[in-house]
Protein backbone atom coordinates (compact mmCIF):
# COMPACT_ATOMS: atom_id res chain seq x y z
CA MET A 1 -9.24 -25.04 -5.80
CA LYS A 2 -10.27 -29.13 -5.70
CA LEU A 3 -8.60 -30.02 -2.59
CA GLU A 4 -8.48 -29.06 1.01
CA PRO A 5 -5.72 -26.29 1.00
CA VAL A 6 -2.29 -28.03 1.01
CA LYS A 7 0.45 -27.36 3.61
CA LEU A 8 4.42 -27.23 2.73
CA ASN A 9 6.19 -29.27 4.80
CA ARG A 10 10.03 -29.22 4.84
CA ILE A 11 10.15 -32.00 2.53
CA ARG A 12 8.12 -30.28 0.07
CA ARG A 13 9.43 -26.91 0.49
CA SER A 14 12.44 -28.61 -0.64
CA ALA A 15 11.45 -29.82 -3.50
CA ILE A 16 9.29 -27.31 -4.52
CA ASN A 17 12.97 -24.86 -3.93
CA ASP A 18 14.31 -27.61 -6.20
CA GLY A 19 11.87 -27.13 -9.33
CA ILE A 20 12.30 -23.48 -9.46
CA LYS A 21 15.43 -23.14 -9.54
CA GLU A 22 16.13 -26.01 -12.30
CA THR A 23 13.20 -24.60 -14.09
CA CYS A 24 14.89 -20.78 -14.37
CA GLU A 25 18.68 -22.90 -14.83
CA LEU A 26 16.70 -24.97 -18.00
CA ARG A 27 15.50 -21.69 -19.43
CA LYS A 28 17.96 -19.65 -18.55
CA TRP A 29 15.89 -16.94 -16.30
CA LYS A 30 17.02 -14.76 -13.66
CA LEU A 31 15.98 -16.42 -10.22
CA HIS A 32 16.41 -13.03 -8.18
CA ALA A 33 14.58 -14.51 -4.70
CA ALA A 34 12.37 -17.56 -3.38
CA ASN A 35 10.19 -17.79 -0.96
CA ILE A 36 8.61 -20.69 0.09
CA ARG A 37 6.25 -20.77 3.03
CA THR A 38 3.80 -23.51 4.74
CA ASN A 39 0.80 -22.41 2.54
CA HIS A 40 1.68 -20.64 -0.39
CA VAL A 41 5.71 -19.47 -2.74
CA HIS A 42 6.81 -16.76 -3.77
CA VAL A 43 9.31 -15.62 -6.75
CA VAL A 44 10.85 -13.24 -8.29
CA VAL A 45 11.94 -14.11 -11.83
CA GLY A 46 14.07 -11.43 -14.12
CA THR A 47 12.76 -13.34 -17.91
CA ARG A 48 10.87 -12.08 -20.72
CA CYS A 49 8.56 -14.60 -21.11
CA ASP A 50 4.68 -14.07 -21.03
CA PRO A 51 3.92 -14.73 -16.65
CA GLU A 52 2.07 -16.89 -17.43
CA ILE A 53 4.07 -19.10 -18.87
CA VAL A 54 6.76 -18.36 -15.99
CA LEU A 55 3.55 -19.24 -13.88
CA ARG A 56 2.73 -22.59 -15.25
CA ALA A 57 6.92 -23.60 -15.92
CA LEU A 58 7.67 -23.65 -11.65
CA LYS A 59 4.00 -25.28 -10.77
CA ALA A 60 4.83 -28.10 -13.33
CA ASN A 61 8.12 -28.08 -12.10
CA SER A 62 7.78 -28.40 -8.57
CA THR A 63 5.05 -30.64 -8.62
CA ARG A 64 7.48 -32.83 -10.72
CA LYS A 65 9.76 -32.76 -7.81
CA MET A 66 7.60 -33.26 -5.06
CA ARG A 67 6.26 -36.20 -6.97
CA GLU A 68 10.16 -38.10 -7.34
CA ALA A 69 10.71 -36.73 -3.43
CA GLY A 70 7.56 -39.21 -2.59
CA CYS A 71 5.69 -36.27 -0.46
CA TRP A 72 3.12 -35.91 -3.89
CA THR A 73 1.25 -38.30 -4.67
CA SER A 74 -2.74 -36.93 -5.78
CA THR A 75 -3.02 -36.62 -9.22
CA GLN A 76 -4.22 -33.25 -8.62
CA THR A 77 -2.47 -30.50 -8.47
CA PRO A 78 -1.60 -28.91 -5.53
CA TRP A 79 -1.55 -25.01 -6.59
CA ALA A 80 -4.23 -22.77 -6.38
CA GLN A 81 -5.32 -22.35 -10.52
CA LYS A 82 -4.61 -18.23 -10.50
CA GLY A 83 -1.61 -16.44 -8.93
CA SER A 84 -0.19 -13.48 -9.54
CA LYS A 85 2.02 -12.24 -11.94
CA ARG A 86 3.15 -9.36 -11.52
CA TRP A 87 5.51 -7.52 -14.20
CA LEU A 88 7.69 -5.65 -12.15
CA TRP A 89 9.49 -1.91 -14.44
CA THR A 90 12.04 -0.63 -12.85
CA ASP A 91 14.94 -0.95 -11.17
CA ASN A 92 13.28 0.23 -7.47
CA GLN A 93 10.14 -2.37 -8.50
CA LEU A 94 12.45 -5.47 -8.56
CA GLN A 95 14.41 -4.21 -5.70
CA ALA A 96 10.98 -3.81 -3.50
CA ALA A 97 9.83 -6.82 -4.59
CA ILE A 98 12.89 -9.03 -4.01
CA ALA A 99 12.64 -7.46 0.26
CA TYR A 100 8.92 -8.99 0.06
CA VAL A 101 9.87 -12.16 -0.63
CA ARG A 102 12.89 -12.28 0.98
CA ASP A 103 12.71 -10.19 4.54
CA GLY A 104 8.57 -9.39 4.29
CA GLN A 105 7.10 -13.46 5.12
CA GLY A 106 7.88 -13.43 8.09
CA ALA A 107 10.73 -15.51 9.97
CA PRO A 108 12.33 -18.13 7.68
CA LEU A 109 10.98 -21.91 8.10
């Protein structure tokens, strides 16, 4: 990372959530689950796209939404350079990932 770790406060989390939803709607991706925490984001998306494309699009649109909301003014990206891009091949894997994102991240913020 080029910056100090970014704290995702309530306003940033809301903007990120909007960016994720908008990206999935525009690209016709199925958003199964999203959980934006104070220092990281989990998302489960159904698509046949390369996961790298999904990750880049979600990061880009979430950053744009934060800038539009005035809660990210840096020209640098707020995101770590990489991110998990795991394929889920079975319904059991999908359901486990959804449960982890929704229920396995601690108390709601």
